[in-house]
Every structure is written in structure tokens, then in C-alpha cells.
Amino acid sequence: MVASQPRPAPMVAFDRSELNEILKIYGRMVAAGEWRDYAIDHLKDRAVFSVFRRSSEVPLYRIEKDPALARRQGAYSIVAQTGMILKRGPDLAKVLRAIDKSLKIVSG
């Protein structure tokens, strides 16, 4: 009798459309000279996209996907360098507006 191997726990990851939304803003901020590096972490309970001004620092922002919070507060959140949650919700594009500096209100 062969003992069955334990299955590794599934990890949470960003899908292609989520990464496209994040990388659109990341590209604009890099072009503006505000951001310079990023890191992606896929953990068993959440996925994290961290944005850095310099790679040797703590992240300026963390864009987190936590499916366990999807029904309550929304799976997506933006966490500032201080640990404060800037925005949380079920729609990634709307949550990302909290850090998208290119969308400015122009009054005429």
C-alpha cells in the first residue's frame, strides 16, 4: 500500500486581468518617476503586489487580494506604507483609483 502524498495548499494569485489593471497604473507611475520597483507575493490566504520607490525601502503601497473577505468587505484593498487601509472593495479598478495620481479633477 502506497501512502498518499499530502497536497500542497492552493495559493491565492492575481489573474491576468487583475495584473493588467495593476500594471497600467504601475506603468504610468514609473513613467512619472514616482515608483521604481515592485514585488508580487502569492501566499496561501492572499496575493500581494507591493510597490516601491526604491527597492531597499518598505513598500509605498500594497495591493492585496484576500478572497476570504470577498463577501464582507471586498477582496481587494490598498494598504499604505503606515499600514492604514486606504480603500477596500469588490472591484479592483475602483479600489486602484485611491492611488492613481493621473486621475485628477479639473474644474473649469
Protein backbone atom coordinates (compact mmCIF):
# COMPACT_ATOMS: atom_id res chain seq x y z
CA MET A 1 0.00 0.00 0.00
CA VAL A 2 1.35 3.39 -1.01
CA ALA A 3 0.87 6.33 1.35
CA SER A 4 -0.68 9.27 -0.41
CA GLN A 5 1.34 12.44 -0.55
CA PRO A 6 -0.25 15.46 1.12
CA ARG A 7 -1.36 18.01 -1.45
CA PRO A 8 0.22 21.43 -1.18
CA ALA A 9 -2.22 24.10 -0.08
CA PRO A 10 -3.50 26.16 -3.01
CA MET A 11 -2.11 29.67 -3.23
CA VAL A 12 -4.04 32.83 -4.00
CA ALA A 13 -2.82 34.63 -7.12
CA PHE A 14 -3.75 37.58 -9.30
CA ASP A 15 -5.25 36.57 -12.63
CA ARG A 16 -4.26 38.14 -15.95
CA SER A 17 -6.98 40.82 -15.97
CA GLU A 18 -6.15 41.86 -12.39
CA LEU A 19 -2.46 42.15 -13.23
CA ASN A 20 -3.30 44.20 -16.34
CA GLU A 21 -5.25 46.69 -14.19
CA ILE A 22 -2.41 46.95 -11.66
CA LEU A 23 0.33 47.20 -14.28
CA LYS A 24 -1.47 50.01 -16.16
CA ILE A 25 -1.22 52.21 -13.09
CA TYR A 26 2.27 50.93 -12.26
CA GLY A 27 3.49 51.86 -15.76
CA ARG A 28 2.11 55.39 -15.50
CA MET A 29 3.70 55.92 -12.09
CA VAL A 30 7.07 54.59 -13.28
CA ALA A 31 6.91 56.95 -16.27
CA ALA A 32 6.19 59.80 -13.86
CA GLY A 33 9.26 58.83 -11.82
CA GLU A 34 7.30 58.09 -8.63
CA TRP A 35 7.63 54.30 -8.50
CA ARG A 36 10.64 52.20 -9.42
CA ASP A 37 10.17 48.61 -8.32
CA TYR A 38 7.55 46.05 -7.38
CA ALA A 39 7.21 42.61 -5.85
CA ILE A 40 4.46 40.00 -6.13
CA ASP A 41 3.81 37.55 -3.31
CA HIS A 42 1.41 34.65 -3.66
CA LEU A 43 0.54 33.33 -0.22
CA LYS A 44 -1.96 30.68 0.75
CA ASP A 45 -4.51 33.20 2.07
CA ARG A 46 -3.85 36.28 -0.12
CA ALA A 47 -1.89 37.72 -3.01
CA VAL A 48 0.10 40.94 -2.58
CA PHE A 49 1.50 43.36 -5.17
CA SER A 50 3.95 45.69 -3.37
CA VAL A 51 5.08 48.99 -4.92
CA PHE A 52 8.41 50.59 -4.01
CA ARG A 53 10.01 53.97 -4.59
CA ARG A 54 13.39 52.26 -4.09
CA SER A 55 13.87 48.52 -3.78
CA SER A 56 15.73 48.90 -0.49
CA GLU A 57 12.76 50.50 1.27
CA VAL A 58 9.47 49.28 2.66
CA PRO A 59 6.66 49.33 0.08
CA LEU A 60 4.81 52.60 -0.54
CA TYR A 61 1.61 50.64 -1.19
CA ARG A 62 0.45 47.06 -1.03
CA ILE A 63 -2.37 45.99 -3.33
CA GLU A 64 -3.88 42.93 -1.68
CA LYS A 65 -6.32 40.29 -2.87
CA ASP A 66 -7.90 38.34 0.00
CA PRO A 67 -10.73 36.06 -1.20
CA ALA A 68 -11.82 35.36 2.39
CA LEU A 69 -13.04 38.98 2.62
CA ALA A 70 -14.87 38.94 -0.73
CA ARG A 71 -18.38 38.61 0.71
CA ARG A 72 -17.86 41.00 3.60
CA GLN A 73 -15.64 43.98 2.74
CA GLY A 74 -14.42 43.14 -0.73
CA ALA A 75 -11.47 41.03 -1.80
CA TYR A 76 -9.24 43.96 -2.81
CA SER A 77 -7.53 46.55 -0.65
CA ILE A 78 -4.84 49.21 -0.86
CA VAL A 79 -2.60 49.40 2.21
CA ALA A 80 -0.34 52.44 2.72
CA GLN A 81 3.23 52.38 3.98
CA THR A 82 1.95 53.09 7.51
CA GLY A 83 -0.37 50.05 7.45
CA MET A 84 -3.52 52.13 7.05
CA ILE A 85 -6.07 50.72 4.61
CA LEU A 86 -6.75 53.46 2.05
CA LYS A 87 -9.52 51.72 0.15
CA ARG A 88 -11.24 48.35 0.15
CA GLY A 89 -13.87 46.88 -2.13
CA PRO A 90 -15.04 44.18 -4.52
CA ASP A 91 -13.98 45.98 -7.74
CA LEU A 92 -10.21 46.21 -8.30
CA ALA A 93 -10.44 49.11 -10.79
CA LYS A 94 -12.36 51.26 -8.30
CA VAL A 95 -10.01 50.37 -5.45
CA LEU A 96 -6.98 51.29 -7.56
CA ARG A 97 -8.32 54.82 -8.05
CA ALA A 98 -7.18 55.56 -4.49
CA ILE A 99 -3.55 55.56 -5.66
CA ASP A 100 -3.88 56.58 -9.31
CA LYS A 101 -2.47 60.11 -9.29
CA SER A 102 -3.10 60.58 -13.02
CA LEU A 103 -6.86 60.86 -12.46
CA LYS A 104 -7.18 64.43 -11.24
CA ILE A 105 -10.31 66.51 -11.00
CA VAL A 106 -10.11 69.54 -13.25
CA SER A 107 -12.52 72.37 -12.57
CA GLY A 108 -13.26 74.85 -15.30
